[in-house]
PDB file of N, CA and C in Angstrom:
ATOM      1  N   UNK A   1     -48.817  27.868  22.330  1.00  0.00           N
ATOM      2  CA  UNK A   1     -49.223  26.593  21.764  1.00  0.00           C
ATOM      3  C   UNK A   1     -48.050  25.632  21.731  1.00  0.00           C
ATOM      4  N   UNK A   2     -46.862  26.139  21.431  1.00  0.00           N
ATOM      5  CA  UNK A   2     -45.707  25.243  21.378  1.00  0.00           C
ATOM      6  C   UNK A   2     -45.383  24.587  22.708  1.00  0.00           C
ATOM      7  N   UNK A   3     -45.343  25.354  23.819  1.00  0.00           N
ATOM      8  CA  UNK A   3     -45.064  24.704  25.110  1.00  0.00           C
ATOM      9  C   UNK A   3     -46.079  23.634  25.452  1.00  0.00           C
ATOM     10  N   UNK A   4     -47.325  23.798  25.071  1.00  0.00           N
ATOM     11  CA  UNK A   4     -48.349  22.793  25.324  1.00  0.00           C
ATOM     12  C   UNK A   4     -48.045  21.495  24.595  1.00  0.00           C
ATOM     13  N   UNK A   5     -47.560  21.614  23.351  1.00  0.00           N
ATOM     14  CA  UNK A   5     -47.222  20.411  22.580  1.00  0.00           C
ATOM     15  C   UNK A   5     -46.048  19.682  23.209  1.00  0.00           C
ATOM     16  N   UNK A   6     -45.080  20.435  23.698  1.00  0.00           N
ATOM     17  CA  UNK A   6     -43.894  19.814  24.333  1.00  0.00           C
ATOM     18  C   UNK A   6     -44.333  19.131  25.631  1.00  0.00           C
ATOM     19  N   UNK A   7     -45.158  19.821  26.416  1.00  0.00           N
ATOM     20  CA  UNK A   7     -45.660  19.231  27.661  1.00  0.00           C
ATOM     21  C   UNK A   7     -46.449  17.931  27.406  1.00  0.00           C
ATOM     22  N   UNK A   8     -47.268  17.975  26.356  1.00  0.00           N
ATOM     23  CA  UNK A   8     -48.038  16.788  25.991  1.00  0.00           C
ATOM     24  C   UNK A   8     -47.099  15.666  25.588  1.00  0.00           C
ATOM     25  N   UNK A   9     -46.070  15.979  24.855  1.00  0.00           N
ATOM     26  CA  UNK A   9     -45.107  14.951  24.433  1.00  0.00           C
ATOM     27  C   UNK A   9     -44.392  14.355  25.633  1.00  0.00           C
ATOM     28  N   UNK A  10     -44.007  15.210  26.599  1.00  0.00           N
ATOM     29  CA  UNK A  10     -43.320  14.706  27.798  1.00  0.00           C
ATOM     30  C   UNK A  10     -44.233  13.757  28.561  1.00  0.00           C
ATOM     31  N   UNK A  11     -45.490  14.148  28.730  1.00  0.00           N
ATOM     32  CA  UNK A  11     -46.421  13.294  29.500  1.00  0.00           C
ATOM     33  C   UNK A  11     -46.686  11.998  28.733  1.00  0.00           C
ATOM     34  N   UNK A  12     -46.872  12.070  27.434  1.00  0.00           N
ATOM     35  CA  UNK A  12     -47.213  10.898  26.630  1.00  0.00           C
ATOM     36  C   UNK A  12     -46.010   9.936  26.495  1.00  0.00           C
ATOM     37  N   UNK A  13     -44.821  10.458  26.281  1.00  0.00           N
ATOM     38  CA  UNK A  13     -43.660   9.631  25.962  1.00  0.00           C
ATOM     39  C   UNK A  13     -42.656   9.515  27.112  1.00  0.00           C
ATOM     40  N   UNK A  14     -43.099   9.797  28.335  1.00  0.00           N
ATOM     41  CA  UNK A  14     -42.187   9.725  29.465  1.00  0.00           C
ATOM     42  C   UNK A  14     -41.654   8.304  29.682  1.00  0.00           C
ATOM     43  N   UNK A  15     -42.463   7.303  29.485  1.00  0.00           N
ATOM     44  CA  UNK A  15     -42.015   5.917  29.691  1.00  0.00           C
ATOM     45  C   UNK A  15     -41.409   5.286  28.435  1.00  0.00           C
ATOM     46  N   UNK A  16     -42.114   5.431  27.325  1.00  0.00           N
ATOM     47  CA  UNK A  16     -41.694   4.746  26.091  1.00  0.00           C
ATOM     48  C   UNK A  16     -40.410   5.341  25.510  1.00  0.00           C
ATOM     49  N   UNK A  17     -40.205   6.669  25.634  1.00  0.00           N
ATOM     50  CA  UNK A  17     -39.024   7.279  25.062  1.00  0.00           C
ATOM     51  C   UNK A  17     -38.142   7.942  26.095  1.00  0.00           C
ATOM     52  N   UNK A  18     -38.528   7.839  27.360  1.00  0.00           N
ATOM     53  CA  UNK A  18     -37.722   8.371  28.457  1.00  0.00           C
ATOM     54  C   UNK A  18     -37.640   9.892  28.532  1.00  0.00           C
ATOM     55  N   UNK A  19     -38.695  10.553  28.118  1.00  0.00           N
ATOM     56  CA  UNK A  19     -38.694  12.033  28.196  1.00  0.00           C
ATOM     57  C   UNK A  19     -38.908  12.480  29.624  1.00  0.00           C
ATOM     58  N   UNK A  20     -38.127  13.468  30.010  1.00  0.00           N
ATOM     59  CA  UNK A  20     -38.263  14.059  31.372  1.00  0.00           C
ATOM     60  C   UNK A  20     -38.438  15.553  31.278  1.00  0.00           C
ATOM     61  N   UNK A  21     -38.908  16.187  32.310  1.00  0.00           N
ATOM     62  CA  UNK A  21     -39.095  17.653  32.272  1.00  0.00           C
ATOM     63  C   UNK A  21     -37.772  18.395  32.048  1.00  0.00           C
ATOM     64  N   UNK A  22     -36.635  17.780  32.371  1.00  0.00           N
ATOM     65  CA  UNK A  22     -35.344  18.426  32.147  1.00  0.00           C
ATOM     66  C   UNK A  22     -35.061  18.597  30.653  1.00  0.00           C
ATOM     67  N   UNK A  23     -35.682  17.819  29.810  1.00  0.00           N
ATOM     68  CA  UNK A  23     -35.485  17.897  28.359  1.00  0.00           C
ATOM     69  C   UNK A  23     -36.365  18.942  27.702  1.00  0.00           C
ATOM     70  N   UNK A  24     -37.212  19.592  28.482  1.00  0.00           N
ATOM     71  CA  UNK A  24     -38.204  20.549  27.920  1.00  0.00           C
ATOM     72  C   UNK A  24     -37.526  21.619  27.055  1.00  0.00           C
ATOM     73  N   UNK A  25     -36.429  22.289  27.502  1.00  0.00           N
ATOM     74  CA  UNK A  25     -35.814  23.316  26.638  1.00  0.00           C
ATOM     75  C   UNK A  25     -35.332  22.760  25.283  1.00  0.00           C
ATOM     76  N   UNK A  26     -34.805  21.586  25.328  1.00  0.00           N
ATOM     77  CA  UNK A  26     -34.310  20.943  24.081  1.00  0.00           C
ATOM     78  C   UNK A  26     -35.468  20.613  23.140  1.00  0.00           C
ATOM     79  N   UNK A  27     -36.556  20.113  23.759  1.00  0.00           N
ATOM     80  CA  UNK A  27     -37.715  19.773  22.938  1.00  0.00           C
ATOM     81  C   UNK A  27     -38.337  21.038  22.337  1.00  0.00           C
ATOM     82  N   UNK A  28     -38.357  22.122  23.123  1.00  0.00           N
ATOM     83  CA  UNK A  28     -38.907  23.373  22.573  1.00  0.00           C
ATOM     84  C   UNK A  28     -38.083  23.870  21.396  1.00  0.00           C
ATOM     85  N   UNK A  29     -36.775  23.770  21.506  1.00  0.00           N
ATOM     86  CA  UNK A  29     -35.920  24.236  20.384  1.00  0.00           C
ATOM     87  C   UNK A  29     -36.097  23.317  19.188  1.00  0.00           C
ATOM     88  N   UNK A  30     -36.282  22.019  19.418  1.00  0.00           N
ATOM     89  CA  UNK A  30     -36.498  21.096  18.315  1.00  0.00           C
ATOM     90  C   UNK A  30     -37.829  21.394  17.628  1.00  0.00           C
ATOM     91  N   UNK A  31     -38.861  21.667  18.410  1.00  0.00           N
ATOM     92  CA  UNK A  31     -40.174  21.991  17.856  1.00  0.00           C
ATOM     93  C   UNK A  31     -40.095  23.289  17.026  1.00  0.00           C
ATOM     94  N   UNK A  32     -39.358  24.260  17.559  1.00  0.00           N
ATOM     95  CA  UNK A  32     -39.269  25.564  16.863  1.00  0.00           C
ATOM     96  C   UNK A  32     -38.423  25.402  15.573  1.00  0.00           C
ATOM     97  N   UNK A  33     -37.342  24.671  15.629  1.00  0.00           N
ATOM     98  CA  UNK A  33     -36.427  24.560  14.458  1.00  0.00           C
ATOM     99  C   UNK A  33     -37.004  23.619  13.396  1.00  0.00           C
ATOM    100  N   UNK A  34     -37.480  22.451  13.829  1.00  0.00           N
ATOM    101  CA  UNK A  34     -37.975  21.464  12.858  1.00  0.00           C
ATOM    102  C   UNK A  34     -39.283  20.874  13.364  1.00  0.00           C
ATOM    103  N   UNK A  35     -40.385  21.603  13.146  1.00  0.00           N
ATOM    104  CA  UNK A  35     -41.682  21.125  13.643  1.00  0.00           C
ATOM    105  C   UNK A  35     -42.112  19.788  13.044  1.00  0.00           C
ATOM    106  N   UNK A  36     -41.789  19.548  11.763  1.00  0.00           N
ATOM    107  CA  UNK A  36     -42.155  18.300  11.111  1.00  0.00           C
ATOM    108  C   UNK A  36     -41.429  17.122  11.780  1.00  0.00           C
ATOM    109  N   UNK A  37     -40.160  17.304  12.048  1.00  0.00           N
ATOM    110  CA  UNK A  37     -39.374  16.232  12.688  1.00  0.00           C
ATOM    111  C   UNK A  37     -39.906  15.979  14.105  1.00  0.00           C
ATOM    112  N   UNK A  38     -40.289  17.047  14.798  1.00  0.00           N
ATOM    113  CA  UNK A  38     -40.831  16.872  16.141  1.00  0.00           C
ATOM    114  C   UNK A  38     -42.139  16.079  16.087  1.00  0.00           C
ATOM    115  N   UNK A  39     -43.017  16.469  15.173  1.00  0.00           N
ATOM    116  CA  UNK A  39     -44.309  15.733  15.064  1.00  0.00           C
ATOM    117  C   UNK A  39     -44.101  14.293  14.621  1.00  0.00           C
ATOM    118  N   UNK A  40     -43.080  14.023  13.798  1.00  0.00           N
ATOM    119  CA  UNK A  40     -42.800  12.644  13.374  1.00  0.00           C
ATOM    120  C   UNK A  40     -42.213  11.820  14.516  1.00  0.00           C
ATOM    121  N   UNK A  41     -41.400  12.457  15.338  1.00  0.00           N
ATOM    122  CA  UNK A  41     -40.765  11.729  16.417  1.00  0.00           C
ATOM    123  C   UNK A  41     -41.730  11.525  17.589  1.00  0.00           C
ATOM    124  N   UNK A  42     -42.509  12.576  17.891  1.00  0.00           N
ATOM    125  CA  UNK A  42     -43.449  12.538  19.005  1.00  0.00           C
ATOM    126  C   UNK A  42     -44.859  12.846  18.510  1.00  0.00           C
ATOM    127  N   UNK A  43     -45.477  11.939  17.792  1.00  0.00           N
ATOM    128  CA  UNK A  43     -46.821  12.204  17.283  1.00  0.00           C
ATOM    129  C   UNK A  43     -47.834  12.345  18.403  1.00  0.00           C
ATOM    130  N   UNK A  44     -48.793  13.204  18.150  1.00  0.00           N
ATOM    131  CA  UNK A  44     -49.868  13.412  19.136  1.00  0.00           C
ATOM    132  C   UNK A  44     -50.692  12.134  19.290  1.00  0.00           C
ATOM    133  N   UNK A  45     -50.997  11.765  20.513  1.00  0.00           N
ATOM    134  CA  UNK A  45     -51.769  10.561  20.790  1.00  0.00           C
ATOM    135  C   UNK A  45     -53.071  11.021  21.478  1.00  0.00           C
ATOM    136  N   UNK A  46     -54.174  10.412  21.073  1.00  0.00           N
ATOM    137  CA  UNK A  46     -55.446  10.760  21.687  1.00  0.00           C
ATOM    138  C   UNK A  46     -55.418  10.454  23.183  1.00  0.00           C
ATOM    139  N   UNK A  47     -56.157  11.255  23.953  1.00  0.00           N
ATOM    140  CA  UNK A  47     -56.147  11.111  25.392  1.00  0.00           C
ATOM    141  C   UNK A  47     -56.518   9.685  25.828  1.00  0.00           C
ATOM    142  N   UNK A  48     -57.510   9.093  25.172  1.00  0.00           N
ATOM    143  CA  UNK A  48     -57.969   7.767  25.586  1.00  0.00           C
ATOM    144  C   UNK A  48     -57.007   6.648  25.184  1.00  0.00           C
ATOM    145  N   UNK A  49     -55.966   6.952  24.437  1.00  0.00           N
ATOM    146  CA  UNK A  49     -54.959   5.947  24.037  1.00  0.00           C
ATOM    147  C   UNK A  49     -53.605   6.145  24.671  1.00  0.00           C
ATOM    148  N   UNK A  50     -53.437   7.241  25.437  1.00  0.00           N
ATOM    149  CA  UNK A  50     -52.150   7.540  26.047  1.00  0.00           C
ATOM    150  C   UNK A  50     -51.694   6.466  27.021  1.00  0.00           C
ATOM    151  N   UNK A  51     -52.648   5.839  27.678  1.00  0.00           N
ATOM    152  CA  UNK A  51     -52.290   4.783  28.652  1.00  0.00           C
ATOM    153  C   UNK A  51     -51.585   3.590  28.017  1.00  0.00           C
ATOM    154  N   UNK A  52     -51.754   3.453  26.705  1.00  0.00           N
ATOM    155  CA  UNK A  52     -51.123   2.311  26.027  1.00  0.00           C
ATOM    156  C   UNK A  52     -49.594   2.470  25.922  1.00  0.00           C
ATOM    157  N   UNK A  53     -49.096   3.644  26.122  1.00  0.00           N
ATOM    158  CA  UNK A  53     -47.667   3.902  26.040  1.00  0.00           C
ATOM    159  C   UNK A  53     -46.970   3.846  27.415  1.00  0.00           C
ATOM    160  N   UNK A  54     -47.733   3.653  28.469  1.00  0.00           N
ATOM    161  CA  UNK A  54     -47.157   3.592  29.829  1.00  0.00           C
ATOM    162  C   UNK A  54     -46.354   2.320  30.000  1.00  0.00           C
ATOM    163  N   UNK A  55     -45.284   2.437  30.760  1.00  0.00           N
ATOM    164  CA  UNK A  55     -44.463   1.261  31.076  1.00  0.00           C
ATOM    165  C   UNK A  55     -44.985   0.666  32.398  1.00  0.00           C
ATOM    166  N   UNK A  56     -45.675  -0.441  32.290  1.00  0.00           N
ATOM    167  CA  UNK A  56     -46.256  -1.064  33.486  1.00  0.00           C
ATOM    168  C   UNK A  56     -45.349  -2.065  34.163  1.00  0.00           C
ATOM    169  N   UNK A  57     -44.205  -2.342  33.529  1.00  0.00           N
ATOM    170  CA  UNK A  57     -43.292  -3.365  34.103  1.00  0.00           C
ATOM    171  C   UNK A  57     -42.072  -2.766  34.734  1.00  0.00           C
ATOM    172  N   UNK A  58     -41.940  -1.458  34.833  1.00  0.00           N
ATOM    173  CA  UNK A  58     -40.718  -0.885  35.386  1.00  0.00           C
ATOM    174  C   UNK A  58     -40.495  -1.278  36.822  1.00  0.00           C
ATOM    175  N   UNK A  59     -41.558  -1.590  37.562  1.00  0.00           N
ATOM    176  CA  UNK A  59     -41.435  -1.987  38.958  1.00  0.00           C
ATOM    177  C   UNK A  59     -40.970  -3.411  39.087  1.00  0.00           C
ATOM    178  N   UNK A  60     -40.976  -4.177  38.002  1.00  0.00           N
ATOM    179  CA  UNK A  60     -40.555  -5.560  38.064  1.00  0.00           C
ATOM    180  C   UNK A  60     -39.124  -5.776  37.642  1.00  0.00           C
ATOM    181  N   UNK A  61     -38.381  -4.708  37.452  1.00  0.00           N
ATOM    182  CA  UNK A  61     -37.002  -4.800  36.949  1.00  0.00           C
ATOM    183  C   UNK A  61     -36.162  -5.659  37.916  1.00  0.00           C
ATOM    184  N   UNK A  62     -36.313  -5.461  39.221  1.00  0.00           N
ATOM    185  CA  UNK A  62     -35.537  -6.221  40.187  1.00  0.00           C
ATOM    186  C   UNK A  62     -35.927  -7.707  40.135  1.00  0.00           C
ATOM    187  N   UNK A  63     -37.214  -7.988  39.872  1.00  0.00           N
ATOM    188  CA  UNK A  63     -37.641  -9.367  39.835  1.00  0.00           C
ATOM    189  C   UNK A  63     -37.112 -10.073  38.600  1.00  0.00           C
ATOM    190  N   UNK A  64     -36.825  -9.334  37.550  1.00  0.00           N
ATOM    191  CA  UNK A  64     -36.367  -9.964  36.327  1.00  0.00           C
ATOM    192  C   UNK A  64     -34.884 -10.271  36.348  1.00  0.00           C
ATOM    193  N   UNK A  65     -34.159  -9.762  37.368  1.00  0.00           N
ATOM    194  CA  UNK A  65     -32.734 -10.024  37.468  1.00  0.00           C
ATOM    195  C   UNK A  65     -32.512 -11.451  37.907  1.00  0.00           C
ATOM    196  N   UNK A  66     -31.532 -12.115  37.408  1.00  0.00           N
ATOM    197  CA  UNK A  66     -31.278 -13.489  37.873  1.00  0.00           C
ATOM    198  C   UNK A  66     -30.821 -13.476  39.313  1.00  0.00           C
ATOM    199  N   UNK A  67     -31.200 -14.511  40.016  1.00  0.00           N
ATOM    200  CA  UNK A  67     -30.801 -14.620  41.405  1.00  0.00           C
ATOM    201  C   UNK A  67     -29.300 -14.863  41.542  1.00  0.00           C
ATOM    202  N   UNK A  68     -28.736 -14.307  42.592  1.00  0.00           N
ATOM    203  CA  UNK A  68     -27.320 -14.528  42.813  1.00  0.00           C
ATOM    204  C   UNK A  68     -27.124 -15.981  43.259  1.00  0.00           C
ATOM    205  N   UNK A  69     -26.036 -16.553  42.815  1.00  0.00           N
ATOM    206  CA  UNK A  69     -25.719 -17.931  43.204  1.00  0.00           C
ATOM    207  C   UNK A  69     -25.065 -17.898  44.552  1.00  0.00           C
ATOM    208  N   UNK A  70     -25.692 -18.568  45.476  1.00  0.00           N
ATOM    209  CA  UNK A  70     -25.153 -18.653  46.819  1.00  0.00           C
ATOM    210  C   UNK A  70     -24.470 -19.990  46.995  1.00  0.00           C
ATOM    211  N   UNK A  71     -23.193 -19.935  47.315  1.00  0.00           N
ATOM    212  CA  UNK A  71     -22.432 -21.176  47.471  1.00  0.00           C
ATOM    213  C   UNK A  71     -22.512 -21.568  48.942  1.00  0.00           C
ATOM    214  N   UNK A  72     -23.120 -22.718  49.171  1.00  0.00           N
ATOM    215  CA  UNK A  72     -23.225 -23.220  50.538  1.00  0.00           C
ATOM    216  C   UNK A  72     -22.085 -24.217  50.774  1.00  0.00           C
ATOM    217  N   UNK A  73     -21.683 -24.231  51.998  1.00  0.00           N
ATOM    218  CA  UNK A  73     -20.642 -25.193  52.306  1.00  0.00           C
ATOM    219  C   UNK A  73     -21.227 -26.613  52.273  1.00  0.00           C
ATOM    220  N   UNK A  74     -20.408 -27.543  51.944  1.00  0.00           N
ATOM    221  CA  UNK A  74     -20.872 -28.951  51.838  1.00  0.00           C
ATOM    222  C   UNK A  74     -21.299 -29.438  53.206  1.00  0.00           C
ATOM    223  N   UNK A  75     -22.403 -30.172  53.240  1.00  0.00           N
ATOM    224  CA  UNK A  75     -22.856 -30.666  54.543  1.00  0.00           C
ATOM    225  C   UNK A  75     -21.885 -31.681  55.128  1.00  0.00           C
ATOM    226  N   UNK A  76     -21.702 -31.597  56.431  1.00  0.00           N
ATOM    227  CA  UNK A  76     -20.825 -32.570  57.084  1.00  0.00           C
ATOM    228  C   UNK A  76     -21.565 -33.901  57.227  1.00  0.00           C
ATOM    229  N   UNK A  77     -20.853 -34.899  57.691  1.00  0.00           N
ATOM    230  CA  UNK A  77     -21.467 -36.221  57.830  1.00  0.00           C
ATOM    231  C   UNK A  77     -22.698 -36.208  58.729  1.00  0.00           C
ATOM    232  N   UNK A  78     -22.630 -35.490  59.854  1.00  0.00           N
ATOM    233  CA  UNK A  78     -23.785 -35.398  60.751  1.00  0.00           C
ATOM    234  C   UNK A  78     -25.004 -34.862  60.072  1.00  0.00           C
ATOM    235  N   UNK A  79     -24.823 -33.780  59.319  1.00  0.00           N
ATOM    236  CA  UNK A  79     -25.981 -33.167  58.643  1.00  0.00           C
ATOM    237  C   UNK A  79     -26.523 -34.117  57.585  1.00  0.00           C
ATOM    238  N   UNK A  80     -25.637 -34.811  56.872  1.00  0.00           N
ATOM    239  CA  UNK A  80     -26.077 -35.757  55.848  1.00  0.00           C
ATOM    240  C   UNK A  80     -26.871 -36.909  56.472  1.00  0.00           C
ATOM    241  N   UNK A  81     -26.415 -37.404  57.595  1.00  0.00           N
ATOM    242  CA  UNK A  81     -27.084 -38.519  58.286  1.00  0.00           C
ATOM    243  C   UNK A  81     -28.466 -38.078  58.759  1.00  0.00           C
ATOM    244  N   UNK A  82     -28.511 -36.862  59.389  1.00  0.00           N
ATOM    245  CA  UNK A  82     -29.785 -36.384  59.863  1.00  0.00           C
ATOM    246  C   UNK A  82     -30.755 -36.151  58.698  1.00  0.00           C
ATOM    247  N   UNK A  83     -30.245 -35.692  57.579  1.00  0.00           N
ATOM    248  CA  UNK A  83     -31.081 -35.456  56.397  1.00  0.00           C
ATOM    249  C   UNK A  83     -31.619 -36.757  55.822  1.00  0.00           C
ATOM    250  N   UNK A  84     -30.779 -37.804  55.839  1.00  0.00           N
ATOM    251  CA  UNK A  84     -31.238 -39.101  55.313  1.00  0.00           C
ATOM    252  C   UNK A  84     -32.328 -39.728  56.167  1.00  0.00           C
ATOM    253  N   UNK A  85     -32.207 -39.554  57.456  1.00  0.00           N
ATOM    254  CA  UNK A  85     -33.176 -40.151  58.368  1.00  0.00           C
ATOM    255  C   UNK A  85     -32.925 -41.624  58.562  1.00  0.00           C
ATOM    256  N   UNK A  86     -33.695 -42.251  59.431  1.00  0.00           N
ATOM    257  CA  UNK A  86     -33.491 -43.651  59.818  1.00  0.00           C
ATOM    258  C   UNK A  86     -33.627 -44.579  58.599  1.00  0.00           C
ATOM    259  N   UNK A  87     -34.641 -44.388  57.817  1.00  0.00           N
ATOM    260  CA  UNK A  87     -34.868 -45.266  56.666  1.00  0.00           C
ATOM    261  C   UNK A  87     -33.742 -45.115  55.629  1.00  0.00           C
ATOM    262  N   UNK A  88     -33.332 -43.908  55.348  1.00  0.00           N
ATOM    263  CA  UNK A  88     -32.301 -43.705  54.365  1.00  0.00           C
ATOM    264  C   UNK A  88     -30.958 -44.267  54.785  1.00  0.00           C
ATOM    265  N   UNK A  89     -30.621 -44.089  56.077  1.00  0.00           N
ATOM    266  CA  UNK A  89     -29.370 -44.655  56.564  1.00  0.00           C
ATOM    267  C   UNK A  89     -29.384 -46.174  56.538  1.00  0.00           C
ATOM    268  N   UNK A  90     -30.519 -46.720  56.910  1.00  0.00           N
ATOM    269  CA  UNK A  90     -30.674 -48.194  56.862  1.00  0.00           C
ATOM    270  C   UNK A  90     -30.450 -48.737  55.468  1.00  0.00           C
ATOM    271  N   UNK A  91     -31.049 -48.122  54.470  1.00  0.00           N
ATOM    272  CA  UNK A  91     -30.865 -48.540  53.087  1.00  0.00           C
ATOM    273  C   UNK A  91     -29.414 -48.401  52.666  1.00  0.00           C
ATOM    274  N   UNK A  92     -28.801 -47.312  53.060  1.00  0.00           N
ATOM    275  CA  UNK A  92     -27.404 -47.081  52.700  1.00  0.00           C
ATOM    276  C   UNK A  92     -26.476 -48.135  53.312  1.00  0.00           C
ATOM    277  N   UNK A  93     -26.718 -48.454  54.564  1.00  0.00           N
ATOM    278  CA  UNK A  93     -25.921 -49.485  55.240  1.00  0.00           C
ATOM    279  C   UNK A  93     -26.077 -50.829  54.594  1.00  0.00           C
ATOM    280  N   UNK A  94     -27.295 -51.185  54.215  1.00  0.00           N
ATOM    281  CA  UNK A  94     -27.515 -52.462  53.544  1.00  0.00           C
ATOM    282  C   UNK A  94     -26.868 -52.490  52.147  1.00  0.00           C
ATOM    283  N   UNK A  95     -26.869 -51.332  51.486  1.00  0.00           N
ATOM    284  CA  UNK A  95     -26.240 -51.297  50.174  1.00  0.00           C
ATOM    285  C   UNK A  95     -24.700 -51.433  50.264  1.00  0.00           C
ATOM    286  N   UNK A  96     -24.137 -50.887  51.331  1.00  0.00           N
ATOM    287  CA  UNK A  96     -22.703 -50.965  51.531  1.00  0.00           C
ATOM    288  C   UNK A  96     -22.272 -52.356  52.030  1.00  0.00           C
ATOM    289  N   UNK A  97     -23.127 -52.954  52.855  1.00  0.00           N
ATOM    290  CA  UNK A  97     -22.811 -54.302  53.404  1.00  0.00           C
ATOM    291  C   UNK A  97     -23.886 -55.268  52.922  1.00  0.00           C
ATOM    292  N   UNK A  98     -23.600 -55.978  51.837  1.00  0.00           N
ATOM    293  CA  UNK A  98     -24.590 -56.835  51.180  1.00  0.00           C
ATOM    294  C   UNK A  98     -25.212 -57.877  52.076  1.00  0.00           C
ATOM    295  N   UNK A  99     -24.462 -58.423  53.008  1.00  0.00           N
ATOM    296  CA  UNK A  99     -24.994 -59.469  53.860  1.00  0.00           C
ATOM    297  C   UNK A  99     -25.656 -58.998  55.125  1.00  0.00           C
ATOM    298  N   UNK A 100     -25.728 -57.702  55.380  1.00  0.00           N
ATOM    299  CA  UNK A 100     -26.244 -57.177  56.655  1.00  0.00           C
ATOM    300  C   UNK A 100     -27.757 -57.367  56.716  1.00  0.00           C
ATOM    301  N   UNK A 101     -28.246 -57.881  57.826  1.00  0.00           N
ATOM    302  CA  UNK A 101     -29.675 -58.089  58.061  1.00  0.00           C
ATOM    303  C   UNK A 101     -30.336 -56.735  58.292  1.00  0.00           C
ATOM    304  N   UNK A 102     -31.630 -56.676  58.003  1.00  0.00           N
ATOM    305  CA  UNK A 102     -32.386 -55.463  58.152  1.00  0.00           C
ATOM    306  C   UNK A 102     -32.352 -54.978  59.599  1.00  0.00           C
ATOM    307  N   UNK A 103     -32.542 -55.886  60.539  1.00  0.00           N
ATOM    308  CA  UNK A 103     -32.587 -55.463  61.945  1.00  0.00           C
ATOM    309  C   UNK A 103     -31.222 -54.918  62.390  1.00  0.00           C
ATOM    310  N   UNK A 104     -30.132 -55.531  61.956  1.00  0.00           N
ATOM    311  CA  UNK A 104     -28.808 -55.035  62.323  1.00  0.00           C
ATOM    312  C   UNK A 104     -28.563 -53.655  61.692  1.00  0.00           C
ATOM    313  N   UNK A 105     -28.988 -53.494  60.459  1.00  0.00           N
ATOM    314  CA  UNK A 105     -28.841 -52.207  59.787  1.00  0.00           C
ATOM    315  C   UNK A 105     -29.663 -51.110  60.461  1.00  0.00           C
ATOM    316  N   UNK A 106     -30.860 -51.463  60.924  1.00  0.00           N
ATOM    317  CA  UNK A 106     -31.692 -50.499  61.612  1.00  0.00           C
ATOM    318  C   UNK A 106     -31.103 -50.099  62.953  1.00  0.00           C
ATOM    319  N   UNK A 107     -30.543 -51.069  63.688  1.00  0.00           N
ATOM    320  CA  UNK A 107     -29.898 -50.727  64.961  1.00  0.00           C
ATOM    321  C   UNK A 107     -28.711 -49.827  64.794  1.00  0.00           C
ATOM    322  N   UNK A 108     -27.883 -50.176  63.796  1.00  0.00           N
ATOM    323  CA  UNK A 108     -26.701 -49.352  63.539  1.00  0.00           C
ATOM    324  C   UNK A 108     -27.111 -47.963  63.058  1.00  0.00           C
ATOM    325  N   UNK A 109     -28.117 -47.901  62.200  1.00  0.00           N
ATOM    326  CA  UNK A 109     -28.614 -46.628  61.674  1.00  0.00           C
ATOM    327  C   UNK A 109     -29.170 -45.759  62.801  1.00  0.00           C
ATOM    328  N   UNK A 110     -29.888 -46.369  63.706  1.00  0.00           N
ATOM    329  CA  UNK A 110     -30.450 -45.627  64.878  1.00  0.00           C
ATOM    330  C   UNK A 110     -29.307 -45.060  65.717  1.00  0.00           C
ATOM    331  N   UNK A 111     -28.270 -45.824  65.939  1.00  0.00           N
ATOM    332  CA  UNK A 111     -27.122 -45.346  66.701  1.00  0.00           C
ATOM    333  C   UNK A 111     -26.419 -44.193  65.986  1.00  0.00           C
ATOM    334  N   UNK A 112     -26.187 -44.365  64.683  1.00  0.00           N
ATOM    335  CA  UNK A 112     -25.560 -43.298  63.906  1.00  0.00           C
ATOM    336  C   UNK A 112     -26.390 -42.004  63.890  1.00  0.00           C
ATOM    337  N   UNK A 113     -27.701 -42.208  63.779  1.00  0.00           N
ATOM    338  CA  UNK A 113     -28.588 -41.023  63.757  1.00  0.00           C
ATOM    339  C   UNK A 113     -28.575 -40.313  65.090  1.00  0.00           C
ATOM    340  N   UNK A 114     -28.573 -41.038  66.183  1.00  0.00           N
ATOM    341  CA  UNK A 114     -28.552 -40.465  67.535  1.00  0.00           C
ATOM    342  C   UNK A 114     -27.247 -39.661  67.699  1.00  0.00           C
ATOM    343  N   UNK A 115     -26.142 -40.244  67.285  1.00  0.00           N
ATOM    344  CA  UNK A 115     -24.836 -39.561  67.415  1.00  0.00           C
ATOM    345  C   UNK A 115     -24.803 -38.315  66.548  1.00  0.00           C
ATOM    346  N   UNK A 116     -25.352 -38.428  65.342  1.00  0.00           N
ATOM    347  CA  UNK A 116     -25.349 -37.295  64.420  1.00  0.00           C
ATOM    348  C   UNK A 116     -26.202 -36.134  64.968  1.00  0.00           C
ATOM    349  N   UNK A 117     -27.298 -36.446  65.559  1.00  0.00           N
ATOM    350  CA  UNK A 117     -28.156 -35.414  66.134  1.00  0.00           C
ATOM    351  C   UNK A 117     -27.485 -34.723  67.309  1.00  0.00           C
ATOM    352  N   UNK A 118     -26.782 -35.504  68.103  1.00  0.00           N
ATOM    353  CA  UNK A 118     -26.034 -34.903  69.218  1.00  0.00           C
ATOM    354  C   UNK A 118     -24.898 -34.022  68.698  1.00  0.00           C
ATOM    355  N   UNK A 119     -24.238 -34.477  67.640  1.00  0.00           N
ATOM    356  CA  UNK A 119     -23.147 -33.703  67.032  1.00  0.00           C
ATOM    357  C   UNK A 119     -23.633 -32.429  66.380  1.00  0.00           C
ATOM    358  N   UNK A 120     -24.832 -32.476  65.825  1.00  0.00           N
ATOM    359  CA  UNK A 120     -25.409 -31.318  65.129  1.00  0.00           C
ATOM    360  C   UNK A 120     -25.821 -30.213  66.145  1.00  0.00           C
ATOM    361  N   UNK A 121     -26.148 -30.635  67.362  1.00  0.00           N
ATOM    362  CA  UNK A 121     -26.578 -29.692  68.384  1.00  0.00           C
ATOM    363  C   UNK A 121     -25.377 -28.901  68.975  1.00  0.00           C
ATOM    364  N   UNK A 122     -24.201 -29.444  68.873  1.00  0.00           N
ATOM    365  CA  UNK A 122     -23.028 -28.799  69.478  1.00  0.00           C
ATOM    366  C   UNK A 122     -22.603 -27.594  68.734  1.00  0.00           C
TER     367      UNK A 122
END
């Protein structure tokens, strides 16, 4: 009868209290020496309620870890220009040169973008 109680405790409390089959001899001696303490520590749980003690999130442990911070190198001018695109470069040129006409800014932006794309391919 005693081994059955220990086996039931191992199955029931394997997740919530971390019981493993390797602990069986220790649990048997605890049950034999202090049965009241054993029953208080590992109370019997009805079969239909044992599933409530299972650890359903142990597979998510890796997902709960914070992501490692990856340090990327700063983008060079070519990458920044390509990322801004024609419209962004045009706005930037006009902001830097207050008197620059839209058409002149677009022409210069197109030239810068073409050069940046060629530089990015190399």
